[in-house]
Amino acid sequence: MAVKNGDTVRVHYKGTLADGSLFDSSEGREPLTFGVGAGQVIPGFENAVIGLEPGGTVTVTIDPEDAYGPRVPQLAHTVSFSDFGAEPYVGGMVSLTTPEGEEMPGRIVAIEGDAVSIDFNHPLAGEALTFEIELVDVVGEGAPAAD
């Protein structure tokens, strides 16, 4: 039985970047379970499993628009070193609360003198992602998909 929108599926996967570096994998873990059409995974990943049958595999490269979106330059900001309570470091994570109360995680990407550069883009924004996906099984059929 081929996967269709509304099914709940379990998959194993390996995700790599254009340079071949691994950014995520289910190896050594339980398969990823998600509802197809429920918006629980990126759209390109969801679309890649439609039509697969248990035991089937697919390798797909997903453009940024169907993954984590393009990199938005306006989401990169520079703040003063003195704005931090603890000493910031490159690779460190910070969180900003928007006026609407939404939490935005950011990554410190550079420190030059008193200037700390923070990028609030998703770390994989702007990247084409390649996934090797194996459909382990369909655990539920015809569940309602998200609108």
N, C-alpha and C. Protein backbone atom coordinates (compact mmCIF):
# COMPACT_ATOMS: atom_id res chain seq x y z
N MET A 1 0.84 -1.18 0.00
CA MET A 1 0.00 0.00 0.00
C MET A 1 0.89 1.24 0.00
N ALA A 2 0.72 2.07 -1.00
CA ALA A 2 1.54 3.27 -1.17
C ALA A 2 1.09 4.38 -0.21
N VAL A 3 2.05 5.16 0.24
CA VAL A 3 1.77 6.28 1.16
C VAL A 3 0.96 7.35 0.43
N LYS A 4 -0.04 7.86 1.15
CA LYS A 4 -0.85 8.96 0.62
C LYS A 4 -1.00 10.03 1.71
N ASN A 5 -1.45 11.18 1.28
CA ASN A 5 -1.67 12.28 2.21
C ASN A 5 -2.63 11.82 3.31
N GLY A 6 -2.32 12.12 4.55
CA GLY A 6 -3.15 11.72 5.69
C GLY A 6 -2.65 10.49 6.41
N ASP A 7 -1.72 9.72 5.80
CA ASP A 7 -1.16 8.54 6.45
C ASP A 7 -0.15 8.94 7.52
N THR A 8 0.01 8.09 8.52
CA THR A 8 1.08 8.24 9.50
C THR A 8 2.13 7.21 9.14
N VAL A 9 3.38 7.68 8.99
CA VAL A 9 4.45 6.81 8.51
C VAL A 9 5.64 6.81 9.47
N ARG A 10 6.45 5.76 9.33
CA ARG A 10 7.72 5.68 10.07
C ARG A 10 8.82 5.52 9.01
N VAL A 11 9.85 6.37 9.11
CA VAL A 11 10.93 6.35 8.13
C VAL A 11 12.29 6.41 8.81
N HIS A 12 13.28 5.84 8.15
CA HIS A 12 14.68 6.08 8.48
C HIS A 12 15.19 7.01 7.40
N TYR A 13 16.14 7.88 7.77
CA TYR A 13 16.63 8.86 6.82
C TYR A 13 18.07 9.25 7.12
N LYS A 14 18.71 9.80 6.11
CA LYS A 14 20.03 10.41 6.25
C LYS A 14 19.99 11.69 5.45
N GLY A 15 20.36 12.81 6.07
CA GLY A 15 20.34 14.11 5.40
C GLY A 15 21.74 14.66 5.22
N THR A 16 22.06 15.06 3.98
CA THR A 16 23.37 15.64 3.69
C THR A 16 23.22 16.97 2.97
N LEU A 17 24.29 17.77 3.06
CA LEU A 17 24.35 19.06 2.37
C LEU A 17 25.00 18.85 1.00
N ALA A 18 25.05 19.92 0.20
CA ALA A 18 25.60 19.85 -1.16
C ALA A 18 27.05 19.37 -1.16
N ASP A 19 27.80 19.67 -0.09
CA ASP A 19 29.20 19.23 -0.02
C ASP A 19 29.35 17.80 0.48
N GLY A 20 28.21 17.12 0.73
CA GLY A 20 28.23 15.74 1.18
C GLY A 20 28.29 15.56 2.68
N SER A 21 28.40 16.66 3.44
CA SER A 21 28.47 16.54 4.90
C SER A 21 27.10 16.19 5.48
N LEU A 22 27.13 15.30 6.47
CA LEU A 22 25.92 14.81 7.14
C LEU A 22 25.44 15.86 8.13
N PHE A 23 24.14 16.22 8.07
CA PHE A 23 23.59 17.15 9.06
C PHE A 23 22.58 16.48 9.98
N ASP A 24 22.04 15.33 9.60
CA ASP A 24 21.10 14.63 10.47
C ASP A 24 20.90 13.21 9.94
N SER A 25 20.57 12.30 10.86
CA SER A 25 20.33 10.91 10.48
C SER A 25 19.53 10.24 11.60
N SER A 26 18.74 9.25 11.20
CA SER A 26 18.01 8.47 12.21
C SER A 26 18.79 7.22 12.59
N GLU A 27 19.98 7.04 12.03
CA GLU A 27 20.78 5.85 12.33
C GLU A 27 21.01 5.72 13.84
N GLY A 28 20.77 4.53 14.36
CA GLY A 28 20.95 4.28 15.78
C GLY A 28 19.79 4.75 16.64
N ARG A 29 18.73 5.26 16.00
CA ARG A 29 17.56 5.75 16.73
C ARG A 29 16.31 5.06 16.17
N GLU A 30 15.22 5.27 16.85
CA GLU A 30 13.93 4.80 16.35
C GLU A 30 13.61 5.55 15.06
N PRO A 31 12.85 4.95 14.16
CA PRO A 31 12.45 5.67 12.95
C PRO A 31 11.65 6.93 13.31
N LEU A 32 11.72 7.90 12.44
CA LEU A 32 10.93 9.12 12.58
C LEU A 32 9.49 8.80 12.21
N THR A 33 8.55 9.19 13.07
CA THR A 33 7.12 8.98 12.81
C THR A 33 6.48 10.34 12.59
N PHE A 34 5.71 10.48 11.51
CA PHE A 34 5.02 11.75 11.26
C PHE A 34 3.79 11.51 10.39
N GLY A 35 2.86 12.45 10.47
CA GLY A 35 1.66 12.41 9.65
C GLY A 35 1.90 13.14 8.35
N VAL A 36 1.70 12.47 7.24
CA VAL A 36 1.89 13.08 5.92
C VAL A 36 0.78 14.10 5.70
N GLY A 37 1.17 15.33 5.44
CA GLY A 37 0.21 16.41 5.24
C GLY A 37 -0.08 17.20 6.50
N ALA A 38 0.49 16.79 7.63
CA ALA A 38 0.23 17.47 8.90
C ALA A 38 1.20 18.60 9.18
N GLY A 39 2.19 18.81 8.32
CA GLY A 39 3.14 19.91 8.52
C GLY A 39 4.14 19.66 9.63
N GLN A 40 4.39 18.40 9.96
CA GLN A 40 5.32 18.07 11.05
C GLN A 40 6.76 18.02 10.58
N VAL A 41 6.98 17.89 9.27
CA VAL A 41 8.32 17.90 8.69
C VAL A 41 8.31 18.88 7.53
N ILE A 42 9.49 19.20 6.99
CA ILE A 42 9.56 20.15 5.88
C ILE A 42 8.79 19.61 4.68
N PRO A 43 8.20 20.50 3.88
CA PRO A 43 7.34 20.06 2.77
C PRO A 43 8.02 19.11 1.78
N GLY A 44 9.26 19.36 1.43
CA GLY A 44 9.94 18.50 0.47
C GLY A 44 10.13 17.08 0.98
N PHE A 45 10.34 16.92 2.28
CA PHE A 45 10.50 15.60 2.90
C PHE A 45 9.16 14.86 2.85
N GLU A 46 8.12 15.59 3.21
CA GLU A 46 6.77 15.03 3.19
C GLU A 46 6.40 14.54 1.79
N ASN A 47 6.64 15.38 0.79
CA ASN A 47 6.30 15.02 -0.59
C ASN A 47 7.10 13.82 -1.08
N ALA A 48 8.33 13.66 -0.58
CA ALA A 48 9.20 12.57 -1.04
C ALA A 48 8.67 11.19 -0.66
N VAL A 49 7.90 11.09 0.43
CA VAL A 49 7.42 9.77 0.86
C VAL A 49 6.10 9.37 0.21
N ILE A 50 5.39 10.35 -0.38
CA ILE A 50 4.12 10.02 -1.02
C ILE A 50 4.39 9.08 -2.19
N GLY A 51 3.65 7.97 -2.20
CA GLY A 51 3.80 6.97 -3.25
C GLY A 51 4.75 5.84 -2.89
N LEU A 52 5.56 6.01 -1.82
CA LEU A 52 6.45 4.92 -1.41
C LEU A 52 5.63 3.79 -0.78
N GLU A 53 6.16 2.59 -0.87
CA GLU A 53 5.57 1.43 -0.20
C GLU A 53 6.55 0.96 0.86
N PRO A 54 6.07 0.30 1.93
CA PRO A 54 6.98 -0.18 2.98
C PRO A 54 8.18 -0.92 2.39
N GLY A 55 9.37 -0.57 2.87
CA GLY A 55 10.62 -1.14 2.37
C GLY A 55 11.20 -0.34 1.22
N GLY A 56 10.41 0.56 0.65
CA GLY A 56 10.87 1.39 -0.47
C GLY A 56 11.81 2.49 -0.02
N THR A 57 12.68 2.90 -0.92
CA THR A 57 13.63 3.98 -0.62
C THR A 57 13.57 5.02 -1.72
N VAL A 58 13.98 6.22 -1.37
CA VAL A 58 14.06 7.31 -2.33
C VAL A 58 15.19 8.23 -1.89
N THR A 59 15.89 8.79 -2.86
CA THR A 59 16.87 9.84 -2.59
C THR A 59 16.36 11.08 -3.29
N VAL A 60 16.26 12.17 -2.55
CA VAL A 60 15.69 13.40 -3.08
C VAL A 60 16.51 14.59 -2.62
N THR A 61 16.70 15.55 -3.52
CA THR A 61 17.34 16.82 -3.15
C THR A 61 16.24 17.86 -3.09
N ILE A 62 16.17 18.54 -1.95
CA ILE A 62 15.09 19.49 -1.68
C ILE A 62 15.65 20.91 -1.73
N ASP A 63 15.07 21.75 -2.58
CA ASP A 63 15.48 23.15 -2.68
C ASP A 63 15.12 23.89 -1.39
N PRO A 64 15.83 24.98 -1.09
CA PRO A 64 15.55 25.73 0.14
C PRO A 64 14.08 26.12 0.32
N GLU A 65 13.40 26.43 -0.77
CA GLU A 65 11.99 26.84 -0.68
C GLU A 65 11.10 25.75 -0.12
N ASP A 66 11.46 24.49 -0.30
CA ASP A 66 10.68 23.37 0.23
C ASP A 66 11.34 22.76 1.46
N ALA A 67 12.35 23.47 1.99
CA ALA A 67 13.06 23.00 3.19
C ALA A 67 12.89 24.07 4.28
N TYR A 68 13.96 24.78 4.60
CA TYR A 68 13.91 25.79 5.66
C TYR A 68 13.88 27.21 5.12
N GLY A 69 13.60 27.34 3.83
CA GLY A 69 13.46 28.66 3.21
C GLY A 69 14.80 29.27 2.83
N PRO A 70 14.74 30.38 2.12
CA PRO A 70 15.97 31.07 1.76
C PRO A 70 16.56 31.77 2.99
N ARG A 71 17.84 32.07 2.92
CA ARG A 71 18.47 32.84 3.99
C ARG A 71 18.00 34.28 3.85
N VAL A 72 17.53 34.89 4.95
CA VAL A 72 17.02 36.26 4.94
C VAL A 72 18.06 37.16 5.60
N PRO A 73 18.73 38.02 4.81
CA PRO A 73 19.79 38.88 5.38
C PRO A 73 19.31 39.76 6.55
N GLN A 74 18.04 40.15 6.54
CA GLN A 74 17.51 41.01 7.61
C GLN A 74 17.43 40.31 8.95
N LEU A 75 17.62 38.99 8.97
CA LEU A 75 17.59 38.25 10.23
C LEU A 75 18.97 38.13 10.86
N ALA A 76 19.96 38.79 10.27
CA ALA A 76 21.31 38.85 10.86
C ALA A 76 21.46 40.22 11.51
N HIS A 77 21.88 40.24 12.77
CA HIS A 77 21.99 41.49 13.53
C HIS A 77 23.33 41.55 14.26
N THR A 78 23.76 42.77 14.51
CA THR A 78 24.97 42.99 15.30
C THR A 78 24.59 43.75 16.55
N VAL A 79 25.04 43.24 17.69
CA VAL A 79 24.77 43.88 18.98
C VAL A 79 26.09 44.08 19.72
N SER A 80 26.03 44.82 20.80
CA SER A 80 27.23 45.13 21.58
C SER A 80 27.59 43.97 22.51
N PHE A 81 28.88 43.70 22.62
CA PHE A 81 29.41 42.68 23.52
C PHE A 81 28.86 42.89 24.93
N SER A 82 28.73 44.17 25.32
CA SER A 82 28.28 44.50 26.68
C SER A 82 26.80 44.17 26.92
N ASP A 83 26.05 43.83 25.85
CA ASP A 83 24.64 43.46 26.01
C ASP A 83 24.47 42.06 26.61
N PHE A 84 25.56 41.31 26.73
CA PHE A 84 25.50 39.94 27.23
C PHE A 84 25.87 39.89 28.70
N GLY A 85 25.11 39.09 29.47
CA GLY A 85 25.42 38.88 30.88
C GLY A 85 26.61 37.95 31.03
N ALA A 86 26.64 36.89 30.22
CA ALA A 86 27.75 35.95 30.20
C ALA A 86 28.56 36.24 28.94
N GLU A 87 29.81 35.78 28.92
CA GLU A 87 30.66 36.06 27.77
C GLU A 87 30.18 35.28 26.55
N PRO A 88 29.84 35.99 25.45
CA PRO A 88 29.39 35.30 24.24
C PRO A 88 30.55 34.61 23.54
N TYR A 89 30.22 33.58 22.75
CA TYR A 89 31.24 32.87 21.98
C TYR A 89 30.64 32.44 20.65
N VAL A 90 31.49 32.38 19.63
CA VAL A 90 31.04 31.97 18.30
C VAL A 90 30.48 30.55 18.38
N GLY A 91 29.29 30.37 17.84
CA GLY A 91 28.59 29.09 17.90
C GLY A 91 27.57 29.05 19.03
N GLY A 92 27.65 30.00 19.96
CA GLY A 92 26.71 30.05 21.07
C GLY A 92 25.31 30.41 20.60
N MET A 93 24.33 29.95 21.33
CA MET A 93 22.94 30.22 20.99
C MET A 93 22.37 31.28 21.93
N VAL A 94 21.53 32.13 21.37
CA VAL A 94 20.84 33.15 22.14
C VAL A 94 19.36 33.09 21.75
N SER A 95 18.52 33.73 22.53
CA SER A 95 17.11 33.75 22.22
C SER A 95 16.61 35.19 22.35
N LEU A 96 15.78 35.59 21.41
CA LEU A 96 15.19 36.92 21.39
C LEU A 96 13.69 36.74 21.44
N THR A 97 13.01 37.58 22.20
CA THR A 97 11.55 37.55 22.23
C THR A 97 11.04 38.72 21.40
N THR A 98 10.22 38.41 20.41
CA THR A 98 9.66 39.45 19.54
C THR A 98 8.60 40.23 20.31
N PRO A 99 8.20 41.40 19.80
CA PRO A 99 7.12 42.16 20.45
C PRO A 99 5.82 41.36 20.57
N GLU A 100 5.63 40.36 19.67
CA GLU A 100 4.43 39.52 19.72
C GLU A 100 4.58 38.38 20.73
N GLY A 101 5.74 38.28 21.39
CA GLY A 101 5.97 37.24 22.39
C GLY A 101 6.54 35.95 21.83
N GLU A 102 6.89 35.92 20.55
CA GLU A 102 7.45 34.72 19.92
C GLU A 102 8.95 34.64 20.21
N GLU A 103 9.41 33.42 20.56
CA GLU A 103 10.84 33.20 20.80
C GLU A 103 11.54 32.95 19.48
N MET A 104 12.67 33.66 19.27
CA MET A 104 13.47 33.46 18.06
C MET A 104 14.88 33.05 18.48
N PRO A 105 15.26 31.79 18.22
CA PRO A 105 16.63 31.39 18.54
C PRO A 105 17.60 31.96 17.51
N GLY A 106 18.77 32.33 17.99
CA GLY A 106 19.81 32.85 17.10
C GLY A 106 21.15 32.24 17.45
N ARG A 107 22.05 32.28 16.47
CA ARG A 107 23.37 31.69 16.63
C ARG A 107 24.41 32.80 16.48
N ILE A 108 25.36 32.86 17.41
CA ILE A 108 26.44 33.84 17.32
C ILE A 108 27.40 33.35 16.24
N VAL A 109 27.58 34.19 15.20
CA VAL A 109 28.39 33.78 14.06
C VAL A 109 29.74 34.49 14.00
N ALA A 110 29.89 35.61 14.72
CA ALA A 110 31.18 36.32 14.71
C ALA A 110 31.24 37.28 15.89
N ILE A 111 32.46 37.49 16.37
CA ILE A 111 32.72 38.51 17.40
C ILE A 111 33.94 39.28 16.94
N GLU A 112 33.76 40.58 16.76
CA GLU A 112 34.87 41.44 16.36
C GLU A 112 34.87 42.66 17.26
N GLY A 113 35.84 42.73 18.18
CA GLY A 113 35.87 43.82 19.14
C GLY A 113 34.64 43.79 20.01
N ASP A 114 33.87 44.90 19.99
CA ASP A 114 32.65 45.00 20.79
C ASP A 114 31.42 44.54 20.01
N ALA A 115 31.60 44.14 18.75
CA ALA A 115 30.47 43.77 17.90
C ALA A 115 30.26 42.26 17.89
N VAL A 116 29.06 41.85 18.26
CA VAL A 116 28.68 40.43 18.24
C VAL A 116 27.62 40.25 17.16
N SER A 117 27.93 39.42 16.16
CA SER A 117 27.00 39.17 15.06
C SER A 117 26.17 37.94 15.35
N ILE A 118 24.85 38.09 15.27
CA ILE A 118 23.91 37.01 15.56
C ILE A 118 23.04 36.78 14.33
N ASP A 119 22.89 35.51 13.96
CA ASP A 119 22.07 35.14 12.81
C ASP A 119 20.83 34.41 13.33
N PHE A 120 19.65 34.98 13.05
CA PHE A 120 18.39 34.39 13.49
C PHE A 120 17.75 33.51 12.42
N ASN A 121 18.44 33.30 11.29
CA ASN A 121 17.96 32.35 10.28
C ASN A 121 18.10 30.94 10.83
N HIS A 122 17.27 30.02 10.34
CA HIS A 122 17.46 28.61 10.68
C HIS A 122 18.84 28.22 10.17
N PRO A 123 19.60 27.40 10.89
CA PRO A 123 20.95 27.03 10.44
C PRO A 123 20.99 26.40 9.05
N LEU A 124 19.89 25.81 8.59
CA LEU A 124 19.87 25.19 7.26
C LEU A 124 19.15 26.05 6.22
N ALA A 125 18.80 27.30 6.57
CA ALA A 125 18.17 28.19 5.61
C ALA A 125 19.11 28.44 4.44
N GLY A 126 18.55 28.45 3.25
CA GLY A 126 19.35 28.70 2.05
C GLY A 126 20.08 27.49 1.52
N GLU A 127 19.95 26.35 2.19
CA GLU A 127 20.66 25.13 1.79
C GLU A 127 19.75 24.19 1.04
N ALA A 128 20.29 23.57 -0.03
CA ALA A 128 19.62 22.45 -0.68
C ALA A 128 19.97 21.21 0.15
N LEU A 129 18.98 20.43 0.51
CA LEU A 129 19.17 19.27 1.38
C LEU A 129 18.91 17.98 0.62
N THR A 130 19.81 17.02 0.74
CA THR A 130 19.60 15.72 0.11
C THR A 130 19.28 14.71 1.20
N PHE A 131 18.18 13.99 1.00
CA PHE A 131 17.76 12.96 1.95
C PHE A 131 17.71 11.61 1.27
N GLU A 132 18.24 10.61 1.95
CA GLU A 132 18.01 9.21 1.59
C GLU A 132 16.96 8.74 2.59
N ILE A 133 15.81 8.34 2.09
CA ILE A 133 14.67 7.99 2.94
C ILE A 133 14.26 6.54 2.67
N GLU A 134 14.05 5.80 3.76
CA GLU A 134 13.51 4.44 3.65
C GLU A 134 12.20 4.41 4.43
N LEU A 135 11.12 4.01 3.76
CA LEU A 135 9.83 3.88 4.42
C LEU A 135 9.82 2.56 5.19
N VAL A 136 9.78 2.66 6.52
CA VAL A 136 9.76 1.45 7.36
C VAL A 136 8.36 0.85 7.33
N ASP A 137 7.36 1.68 7.63
CA ASP A 137 5.99 1.20 7.54
C ASP A 137 5.00 2.35 7.62
N VAL A 138 3.75 2.03 7.30
CA VAL A 138 2.62 2.96 7.44
C VAL A 138 1.89 2.49 8.69
N VAL A 139 1.82 3.36 9.71
CA VAL A 139 1.23 2.95 10.98
C VAL A 139 -0.20 3.41 11.17
N GLY A 140 -0.67 4.25 10.27
CA GLY A 140 -2.05 4.71 10.34
C GLY A 140 -2.46 5.25 8.98
N GLU A 141 -3.65 4.90 8.56
CA GLU A 141 -4.11 5.33 7.25
C GLU A 141 -5.21 6.34 7.35
N GLY A 142 -5.16 7.30 6.43
CA GLY A 142 -6.26 8.22 6.26
C GLY A 142 -6.52 9.17 7.41
N ALA A 143 -5.54 9.38 8.28
CA ALA A 143 -5.73 10.36 9.35
C ALA A 143 -5.90 11.73 8.71
N PRO A 144 -6.70 12.61 9.31
CA PRO A 144 -6.90 13.91 8.70
C PRO A 144 -5.60 14.71 8.65
N ALA A 145 -5.34 15.34 7.52
CA ALA A 145 -4.16 16.18 7.34
C ALA A 145 -4.45 17.58 7.84
N ALA A 146 -3.39 18.31 8.14
CA ALA A 146 -3.55 19.71 8.58
C ALA A 146 -4.03 20.55 7.40
N ASP A 147 -4.76 21.59 7.70
CA ASP A 147 -5.24 22.48 6.62
C ASP A 147 -4.12 23.34 6.10
